[in-house]
C-alpha cells in the first residue's frame, strides 16, 4: 500500500530526567578503571510511522489531486521511553613492560542498555503497547570498543575494534513487520603516524580492515532490505601546525 510521509509541525520537544552514578579507580602506572550506571526517563518520545489517515480523491484533497488513496504517515509525541544501563571502561599505559613494549597502551569500554516504554499500536495514539529492550528505535543494546596503541620515538600505531549489536533504527506503529533493524557489526580500523618534525605528521589510516558488510532488514532477518560491502578505505595524509 503506497504511503506518504509528512512532517508534524506540532511536535513537542523531548525532555529527559537523568540519573548518573560512577565509581572510578586510578592506579599506577597511568591507568584508570571505571564503572558507571545511568537512568534516563524521556517524556514525549518522538515516534515516526504514525498512520494518520488516507488521502482523499479529487482536486481539493490537499495535494492538488495527487496521491489518492495513499496512507499518510507522520511523527508524533507518544509515550515515555526509559533507558538505563551500565558502562565499564579500562585504560592503561604499559610502561612497566620491558624494552620497546613500554610504548604500549590499551583501552576497553563496554556499554549495556536496557530500554522499555509505552508506544502506539495499530496506528492509534489512544492504544499503546509496552515495548521492551531492543524494541525502542535508536538505542543500541550492546556496544564495545577496544584499542591497542604503540609509540616508539617518532613512530606510532593503533588498532581499534568497534562492536555494535543489532538494533532497531525505525519503529512502525502500524505493523511490526515494517520495523527496520541494523544488523550487528564489528569493525576493525588500523592507523599509523610518523612525526617528521614537531609541527608535521604523516598518517596512514585503514578503515574497515576486515571489510564488514552493512546490512538492514525489516521485521525478521530473512527480509533483508539493504546489503552492502563498503570495502576497505585507505587514507594517506599530512597534518601540520603552523
Protein backbone atom coordinates (compact mmCIF):
# COMPACT_ATOMS: atom_id res chain seq x y z
CA UNK A 1 0.00 0.00 0.00
CA UNK A 2 1.56 3.36 -1.01
CA UNK A 3 2.33 5.81 1.77
CA UNK A 4 3.16 9.50 2.03
CA UNK A 5 5.28 10.75 4.95
CA UNK A 6 4.70 14.32 6.10
CA UNK A 7 6.20 16.49 8.83
CA UNK A 8 4.35 17.30 12.04
CA UNK A 9 4.82 20.98 12.97
CA UNK A 10 3.02 20.40 16.29
CA UNK A 11 5.71 18.12 17.69
CA UNK A 12 6.80 18.91 21.23
CA UNK A 13 10.47 18.66 22.18
CA UNK A 14 11.58 15.58 24.02
CA UNK A 15 12.58 16.08 27.63
CA UNK A 16 14.51 13.78 29.94
CA UNK A 17 15.23 13.33 33.62
CA UNK A 18 18.64 11.76 34.12
CA UNK A 19 20.35 9.98 36.99
CA UNK A 20 24.03 9.11 36.77
CA UNK A 21 26.46 7.47 39.17
CA UNK A 22 30.05 6.38 38.65
CA UNK A 23 32.89 4.78 40.55
CA UNK A 24 36.46 5.39 39.35
CA UNK A 25 39.78 3.97 40.45
CA UNK A 26 43.15 5.37 39.35
CA UNK A 27 46.33 3.35 39.57
CA UNK A 28 49.96 3.40 38.53
CA UNK A 29 51.43 3.38 36.01
CA UNK A 30 48.89 5.75 34.44
CA UNK A 31 45.72 3.68 34.50
CA UNK A 32 42.02 4.02 35.21
CA UNK A 33 39.16 1.61 35.91
CA UNK A 34 35.61 2.98 35.90
CA UNK A 35 32.09 1.62 36.39
CA UNK A 36 29.00 3.75 35.75
CA UNK A 37 25.22 3.43 35.97
CA UNK A 38 22.65 5.71 34.35
CA UNK A 39 18.88 6.04 34.16
CA UNK A 40 17.00 8.30 31.72
CA UNK A 41 13.24 8.89 31.55
CA UNK A 42 12.42 10.52 28.19
CA UNK A 43 9.00 12.16 28.02
CA UNK A 44 7.16 12.95 24.77
CA UNK A 45 9.39 10.49 22.96
CA UNK A 46 9.10 11.15 19.22
CA UNK A 47 7.87 8.14 17.23
CA UNK A 48 7.75 8.06 13.42
CA UNK A 49 5.50 6.00 11.17
CA UNK A 50 2.20 7.00 12.84
CA UNK A 51 -0.74 6.35 10.49
CA UNK A 52 -2.91 9.48 10.46
CA UNK A 53 -5.44 8.81 7.70
CA UNK A 54 -5.89 8.31 3.97
CA UNK A 55 -5.62 10.93 1.23
CA UNK A 56 -8.96 11.56 -0.45
CA UNK A 57 -9.78 11.89 -4.11
CA UNK A 58 -10.47 15.00 -6.13
CA UNK A 59 -8.65 18.22 -6.87
CA UNK A 60 -9.24 19.54 -3.33
CA UNK A 61 -7.70 16.63 -1.44
CA UNK A 62 -4.92 18.90 -0.14
CA UNK A 63 -2.34 17.57 -2.58
CA UNK A 64 -3.60 19.06 -5.85
CA UNK A 65 -5.46 15.87 -6.64
CA UNK A 66 -2.37 13.69 -6.34
CA UNK A 67 -1.82 10.57 -4.21
CA UNK A 68 -5.50 9.49 -3.87
CA UNK A 69 -5.91 6.54 -1.52
CA UNK A 70 -2.39 6.79 -0.14
CA UNK A 71 -1.87 6.28 3.60
CA UNK A 72 -0.49 9.32 5.46
CA UNK A 73 2.39 8.64 7.85
CA UNK A 74 3.73 11.22 10.24
CA UNK A 75 5.61 11.62 13.53
CA UNK A 76 4.09 12.20 16.96
CA UNK A 77 4.94 12.51 20.63
CA UNK A 78 3.93 9.17 22.04
CA UNK A 79 4.58 7.61 25.39
CA UNK A 80 7.64 7.62 27.61
CA UNK A 81 10.93 5.83 26.97
CA UNK A 82 13.02 4.56 29.87
CA UNK A 83 16.69 3.96 29.18
CA UNK A 84 19.05 2.61 31.79
CA UNK A 85 22.29 0.73 31.70
CA UNK A 86 25.87 0.19 32.76
CA UNK A 87 29.18 1.44 31.41
CA UNK A 88 32.55 -0.18 32.04
CA UNK A 89 35.89 1.28 30.97
CA UNK A 90 39.55 0.46 31.42
CA UNK A 91 42.67 2.19 30.13
CA UNK A 92 46.34 1.90 30.96
CA UNK A 93 49.81 2.66 29.73
CA UNK A 94 52.03 -0.42 29.99
CA UNK A 95 55.23 1.37 30.92
CA UNK A 96 56.19 -1.49 33.26
CA UNK A 97 56.84 -3.79 30.28
CA UNK A 98 60.45 -4.31 29.08
CA UNK A 99 62.11 -2.80 26.02
CA UNK A 100 60.06 -1.47 23.14
CA UNK A 101 56.88 -2.82 24.79
CA UNK A 102 56.98 0.15 27.15
CA UNK A 103 55.30 2.16 24.42
CA UNK A 104 52.11 0.07 24.54
CA UNK A 105 48.82 1.36 25.92
CA UNK A 106 45.35 -0.16 25.89
CA UNK A 107 41.72 0.88 26.19
CA UNK A 108 38.48 -1.08 26.63
CA UNK A 109 34.91 0.06 27.19
CA UNK A 110 31.56 -1.73 27.18
CA UNK A 111 28.01 -0.35 27.43
CA UNK A 112 24.89 -2.36 28.26
CA UNK A 113 21.46 -0.77 27.68
CA UNK A 114 18.02 -1.81 28.90
CA UNK A 115 15.11 0.09 27.37
CA UNK A 116 11.35 -0.01 27.72
CA UNK A 117 8.34 2.24 27.25
CA UNK A 118 4.77 2.63 26.03
CA UNK A 119 4.13 3.34 22.35
CA UNK A 120 1.16 3.44 19.96
CA UNK A 121 -0.06 0.29 18.25
CA UNK A 122 -2.06 -0.22 15.03
CA UNK A 123 -1.61 3.44 14.13
CA UNK A 124 -3.59 4.74 17.11
CA UNK A 125 -2.17 7.05 19.76
CA UNK A 126 -5.05 6.08 22.04
CA UNK A 127 -3.91 2.46 22.15
CA UNK A 128 -0.42 1.74 23.42
CA UNK A 129 1.66 -1.34 23.98
CA UNK A 130 4.68 -1.87 26.21
CA UNK A 131 7.98 -2.18 24.39
CA UNK A 132 10.92 -3.99 25.94
CA UNK A 133 14.70 -3.81 25.47
CA UNK A 134 15.74 -3.80 21.82
CA UNK A 135 12.31 -2.55 20.67
CA UNK A 136 12.87 1.20 21.02
CA UNK A 137 14.33 2.88 17.96
CA UNK A 138 17.76 4.47 18.09
CA UNK A 139 19.18 2.67 21.13
CA UNK A 140 21.90 0.02 20.69
CA UNK A 141 21.58 -2.69 23.39
CA UNK A 142 25.31 -3.60 23.38
CA UNK A 143 28.35 -1.60 22.29
CA UNK A 144 32.05 -2.12 22.89
CA UNK A 145 35.36 -0.57 21.87
CA UNK A 146 38.87 -1.93 22.32
CA UNK A 147 42.15 -0.46 21.16
CA UNK A 148 45.86 -1.14 21.46
CA UNK A 149 48.34 1.65 20.74
CA UNK A 150 52.12 1.69 20.48
CA UNK A 151 54.54 4.61 20.34
CA UNK A 152 58.28 4.50 19.85
CA UNK A 153 60.18 7.68 19.14
CA UNK A 154 58.58 9.42 16.16
CA UNK A 155 56.51 6.41 15.12
CA UNK A 156 53.09 5.36 16.46
CA UNK A 157 50.49 2.74 15.54
CA UNK A 158 46.98 1.90 16.70
CA UNK A 159 44.42 -0.85 16.12
CA UNK A 160 40.80 -0.26 17.11
CA UNK A 161 37.86 -2.65 17.23
CA UNK A 162 34.29 -1.33 17.43
CA UNK A 163 31.25 -3.55 18.08
CA UNK A 164 27.55 -2.66 17.95
CA UNK A 165 24.79 -5.23 18.38
CA UNK A 166 21.67 -5.47 16.22
CA UNK A 167 19.29 -2.62 16.98
CA UNK A 168 16.02 -1.05 15.85
CA UNK A 169 16.56 2.06 13.69
CA UNK A 170 12.96 2.80 12.67
CA UNK A 171 9.79 1.83 14.54
CA UNK A 172 6.48 1.38 12.75
CA UNK A 173 3.30 1.97 14.75
CA UNK A 174 1.15 0.33 12.08
CA UNK A 175 2.82 -3.08 11.77
CA UNK A 176 5.82 -4.69 13.44
CA UNK A 177 6.87 -6.31 10.16
CA UNK A 178 7.74 -2.79 8.99
CA UNK A 179 10.25 -2.24 11.80
CA UNK A 180 13.73 -1.58 10.41
CA UNK A 181 16.81 -3.09 12.08
CA UNK A 182 20.54 -2.69 11.51
CA UNK A 183 22.49 -5.92 11.86
CA UNK A 184 25.36 -6.14 14.35
CA UNK A 185 28.83 -5.12 13.14
CA UNK A 186 32.37 -5.48 14.43
CA UNK A 187 34.68 -3.04 12.63
CA UNK A 188 38.47 -3.10 12.82
CA UNK A 189 40.47 0.04 11.97
CA UNK A 190 44.25 0.43 11.77
CA UNK A 191 46.30 3.62 11.89
CA UNK A 192 49.95 4.66 11.62
CA UNK A 193 51.67 8.01 12.14
CA UNK A 194 55.22 9.33 11.77
CA UNK A 195 56.40 12.67 13.15
CA UNK A 196 58.59 14.28 10.50
CA UNK A 197 59.11 17.31 12.73
CA UNK A 198 57.25 18.69 15.79
CA UNK A 199 54.76 20.51 13.56
CA UNK A 200 54.35 17.91 10.76
CA UNK A 201 52.97 14.34 10.90
CA UNK A 202 52.48 11.75 8.18
CA UNK A 203 49.47 9.47 8.66
CA UNK A 204 48.14 6.25 7.17
CA UNK A 205 44.63 5.08 8.17
CA UNK A 206 43.00 1.81 7.13
CA UNK A 207 39.26 1.77 7.91
CA UNK A 208 37.13 -1.38 7.93
CA UNK A 209 40.19 -3.60 7.69
CA UNK A 210 38.04 -6.75 7.88
CA UNK A 211 35.59 -5.50 5.20
CA UNK A 212 32.47 -5.95 7.34
CA UNK A 213 29.21 -5.52 5.35
CA UNK A 214 26.40 -3.11 6.15
CA UNK A 215 23.03 -4.87 6.47
CA UNK A 216 19.47 -3.85 7.39
CA UNK A 217 16.27 -5.90 7.50
CA UNK A 218 12.57 -5.36 8.17
CA UNK A 219 10.70 -7.40 10.74
CA UNK A 220 12.74 -10.60 10.56
CA UNK A 221 16.34 -11.29 9.46
CA UNK A 222 15.22 -13.12 6.33
CA UNK A 223 13.60 -9.93 4.98
CA UNK A 224 16.80 -8.14 4.01
CA UNK A 225 16.23 -4.58 2.81
CA UNK A 226 19.82 -3.43 2.34
CA UNK A 227 23.14 -5.26 2.00
CA UNK A 228 26.41 -3.66 1.01
CA UNK A 229 30.13 -4.36 1.22
CA UNK A 230 31.61 -0.86 1.62
CA UNK A 231 35.14 -2.19 1.25
CA UNK A 232 38.33 -1.15 2.99
CA UNK A 233 39.32 2.52 2.85
CA UNK A 234 42.99 3.59 2.92
CA UNK A 235 43.74 7.25 3.62
CA UNK A 236 47.17 8.88 3.48
CA UNK A 237 47.52 12.35 4.96
CA UNK A 238 49.80 15.10 6.17
CA UNK A 239 48.95 17.00 9.36
CA UNK A 240 50.67 20.29 10.09
CA UNK A 241 50.56 23.00 12.74
CA UNK A 242 51.73 26.44 11.72
